[in-house]
């Protein structure tokens, strides 16, 4: 069973496809997607645009979460459409 999930949230706007990838430390893919949509009110932005996607793209082990410094129940943005990486310690 997964300890967490990598979740991709994307939407189309006038600039093309915009996206953010999150590491989410919850075992359920559905709960990880819900948490990602609620993070920073992305759900509202997607609803306003009416053209978006949310995918649980990869399971994460406890070791992956530990390496990222993410505790159970936490969410962390990993990269966006500009390939900016968070947290800075991952650079």
C-alpha atoms as a PDB file:
ATOM      1  CA  UNK A   1       0.000   0.000   0.000  1.00  0.00           C
ATOM      2  CA  UNK A   2       1.219   3.479  -0.860  1.00  0.00           C
ATOM      3  CA  UNK A   3       2.181   5.920   1.888  1.00  0.00           C
ATOM      4  CA  UNK A   4       1.427   8.875  -0.416  1.00  0.00           C
ATOM      5  CA  UNK A   5       0.933  10.020  -4.010  1.00  0.00           C
ATOM      6  CA  UNK A   6       2.365  12.360  -6.603  1.00  0.00           C
ATOM      7  CA  UNK A   7      -0.606  14.341  -7.921  1.00  0.00           C
ATOM      8  CA  UNK A   8      -0.668  16.430 -11.094  1.00  0.00           C
ATOM      9  CA  UNK A   9      -3.195  19.275 -11.305  1.00  0.00           C
ATOM     10  CA  UNK A  10      -3.504  21.036 -14.653  1.00  0.00           C
ATOM     11  CA  UNK A  11      -5.737  23.498 -16.462  1.00  0.00           C
ATOM     12  CA  UNK A  12      -5.904  25.230 -19.813  1.00  0.00           C
ATOM     13  CA  UNK A  13      -5.839  28.996 -20.060  1.00  0.00           C
ATOM     14  CA  UNK A  14      -4.848  31.532 -22.697  1.00  0.00           C
ATOM     15  CA  UNK A  15      -1.181  30.639 -22.117  1.00  0.00           C
ATOM     16  CA  UNK A  16      -1.727  26.925 -22.703  1.00  0.00           C
ATOM     17  CA  UNK A  17      -1.529  24.087 -20.205  1.00  0.00           C
ATOM     18  CA  UNK A  18      -0.551  25.174 -16.696  1.00  0.00           C
ATOM     19  CA  UNK A  19       0.252  22.554 -14.055  1.00  0.00           C
ATOM     20  CA  UNK A  20       1.544  21.893 -10.574  1.00  0.00           C
ATOM     21  CA  UNK A  21       2.729  18.559  -9.179  1.00  0.00           C
ATOM     22  CA  UNK A  22       2.300  17.817  -5.476  1.00  0.00           C
ATOM     23  CA  UNK A  23       3.603  15.171  -3.117  1.00  0.00           C
ATOM     24  CA  UNK A  24       0.740  14.255  -0.800  1.00  0.00           C
ATOM     25  CA  UNK A  25       1.300  12.098   2.285  1.00  0.00           C
ATOM     26  CA  UNK A  26      -2.005  10.228   2.424  1.00  0.00           C
ATOM     27  CA  UNK A  27      -2.461   6.562   1.437  1.00  0.00           C
ATOM     28  CA  UNK A  28      -5.616   7.032  -0.675  1.00  0.00           C
ATOM     29  CA  UNK A  29      -5.196   8.329  -4.253  1.00  0.00           C
ATOM     30  CA  UNK A  30      -8.691   9.858  -4.106  1.00  0.00           C
ATOM     31  CA  UNK A  31      -7.902  11.708  -0.859  1.00  0.00           C
ATOM     32  CA  UNK A  32      -4.575  12.881  -2.312  1.00  0.00           C
ATOM     33  CA  UNK A  33      -6.367  14.374  -5.338  1.00  0.00           C
ATOM     34  CA  UNK A  34      -8.971  16.046  -3.088  1.00  0.00           C
ATOM     35  CA  UNK A  35      -6.221  17.551  -0.894  1.00  0.00           C
ATOM     36  CA  UNK A  36      -4.359  18.822  -3.956  1.00  0.00           C
ATOM     37  CA  UNK A  37      -7.475  20.470  -5.366  1.00  0.00           C
ATOM     38  CA  UNK A  38      -8.168  22.159  -2.029  1.00  0.00           C
ATOM     39  CA  UNK A  39      -4.558  23.343  -1.618  1.00  0.00           C
ATOM     40  CA  UNK A  40      -4.402  27.099  -2.329  1.00  0.00           C
ATOM     41  CA  UNK A  41      -8.019  27.072  -3.634  1.00  0.00           C
ATOM     42  CA  UNK A  42      -7.082  25.368  -6.911  1.00  0.00           C
ATOM     43  CA  UNK A  43     -10.544  23.764  -6.980  1.00  0.00           C
ATOM     44  CA  UNK A  44     -12.093  27.235  -7.341  1.00  0.00           C
ATOM     45  CA  UNK A  45      -9.692  28.154 -10.142  1.00  0.00           C
ATOM     46  CA  UNK A  46     -10.427  24.913 -12.024  1.00  0.00           C
ATOM     47  CA  UNK A  47     -14.188  25.356 -11.606  1.00  0.00           C
ATOM     48  CA  UNK A  48     -13.940  28.901 -12.983  1.00  0.00           C
ATOM     49  CA  UNK A  49     -11.987  27.734 -16.030  1.00  0.00           C
ATOM     50  CA  UNK A  50     -14.118  24.600 -16.564  1.00  0.00           C
ATOM     51  CA  UNK A  51     -11.229  22.818 -18.244  1.00  0.00           C
ATOM     52  CA  UNK A  52      -8.843  21.002 -15.945  1.00  0.00           C
ATOM     53  CA  UNK A  53      -7.469  17.680 -14.843  1.00  0.00           C
ATOM     54  CA  UNK A  54      -6.311  15.976 -11.680  1.00  0.00           C
ATOM     55  CA  UNK A  55      -4.293  12.756 -11.760  1.00  0.00           C
ATOM     56  CA  UNK A  56      -2.638  10.605  -9.113  1.00  0.00           C
ATOM     57  CA  UNK A  57       0.421   9.842 -11.239  1.00  0.00           C
ATOM     58  CA  UNK A  58       2.633   7.782  -8.930  1.00  0.00           C
ATOM     59  CA  UNK A  59       2.511   6.056  -5.561  1.00  0.00           C
ATOM     60  CA  UNK A  60       5.081   7.184  -2.979  1.00  0.00           C
ATOM     61  CA  UNK A  61       6.710   5.008  -0.349  1.00  0.00           C
ATOM     62  CA  UNK A  62       7.429   6.042   3.228  1.00  0.00           C
ATOM     63  CA  UNK A  63      11.068   6.460   2.171  1.00  0.00           C
ATOM     64  CA  UNK A  64      10.096   8.872  -0.643  1.00  0.00           C
ATOM     65  CA  UNK A  65       8.077  10.973   1.802  1.00  0.00           C
ATOM     66  CA  UNK A  66      10.927  10.904   4.326  1.00  0.00           C
ATOM     67  CA  UNK A  67      13.410  12.010   1.650  1.00  0.00           C
ATOM     68  CA  UNK A  68      11.105  14.943   0.813  1.00  0.00           C
ATOM     69  CA  UNK A  69      10.669  15.826   4.511  1.00  0.00           C
ATOM     70  CA  UNK A  70       6.893  15.377   4.349  1.00  0.00           C
ATOM     71  CA  UNK A  71       5.009  14.056   7.389  1.00  0.00           C
ATOM     72  CA  UNK A  72       1.795  12.015   7.272  1.00  0.00           C
ATOM     73  CA  UNK A  73      -1.139  14.182   6.163  1.00  0.00           C
ATOM     74  CA  UNK A  74       1.018  16.945   4.648  1.00  0.00           C
ATOM     75  CA  UNK A  75       1.105  18.225   1.076  1.00  0.00           C
ATOM     76  CA  UNK A  76       4.090  19.781  -0.681  1.00  0.00           C
ATOM     77  CA  UNK A  77       4.263  21.390  -4.144  1.00  0.00           C
ATOM     78  CA  UNK A  78       7.110  19.753  -6.069  1.00  0.00           C
ATOM     79  CA  UNK A  79       7.202  21.508  -9.448  1.00  0.00           C
ATOM     80  CA  UNK A  80       5.105  23.753 -11.670  1.00  0.00           C
ATOM     81  CA  UNK A  81       4.819  24.352 -15.405  1.00  0.00           C
ATOM     82  CA  UNK A  82       8.007  26.464 -15.271  1.00  0.00           C
ATOM     83  CA  UNK A  83       9.871  23.482 -13.775  1.00  0.00           C
ATOM     84  CA  UNK A  84      10.527  25.373 -10.560  1.00  0.00           C
ATOM     85  CA  UNK A  85      11.297  22.864  -7.827  1.00  0.00           C
ATOM     86  CA  UNK A  86      10.237  23.060  -4.189  1.00  0.00           C
ATOM     87  CA  UNK A  87      11.497  22.884  -1.548  1.00  0.00           C
ATOM     88  CA  UNK A  88      14.817  24.532  -2.414  1.00  0.00           C
ATOM     89  CA  UNK A  89      16.735  21.694  -0.707  1.00  0.00           C
ATOM     90  CA  UNK A  90      15.793  19.511  -3.713  1.00  0.00           C
ATOM     91  CA  UNK A  91      17.819  21.676  -6.139  1.00  0.00           C
END
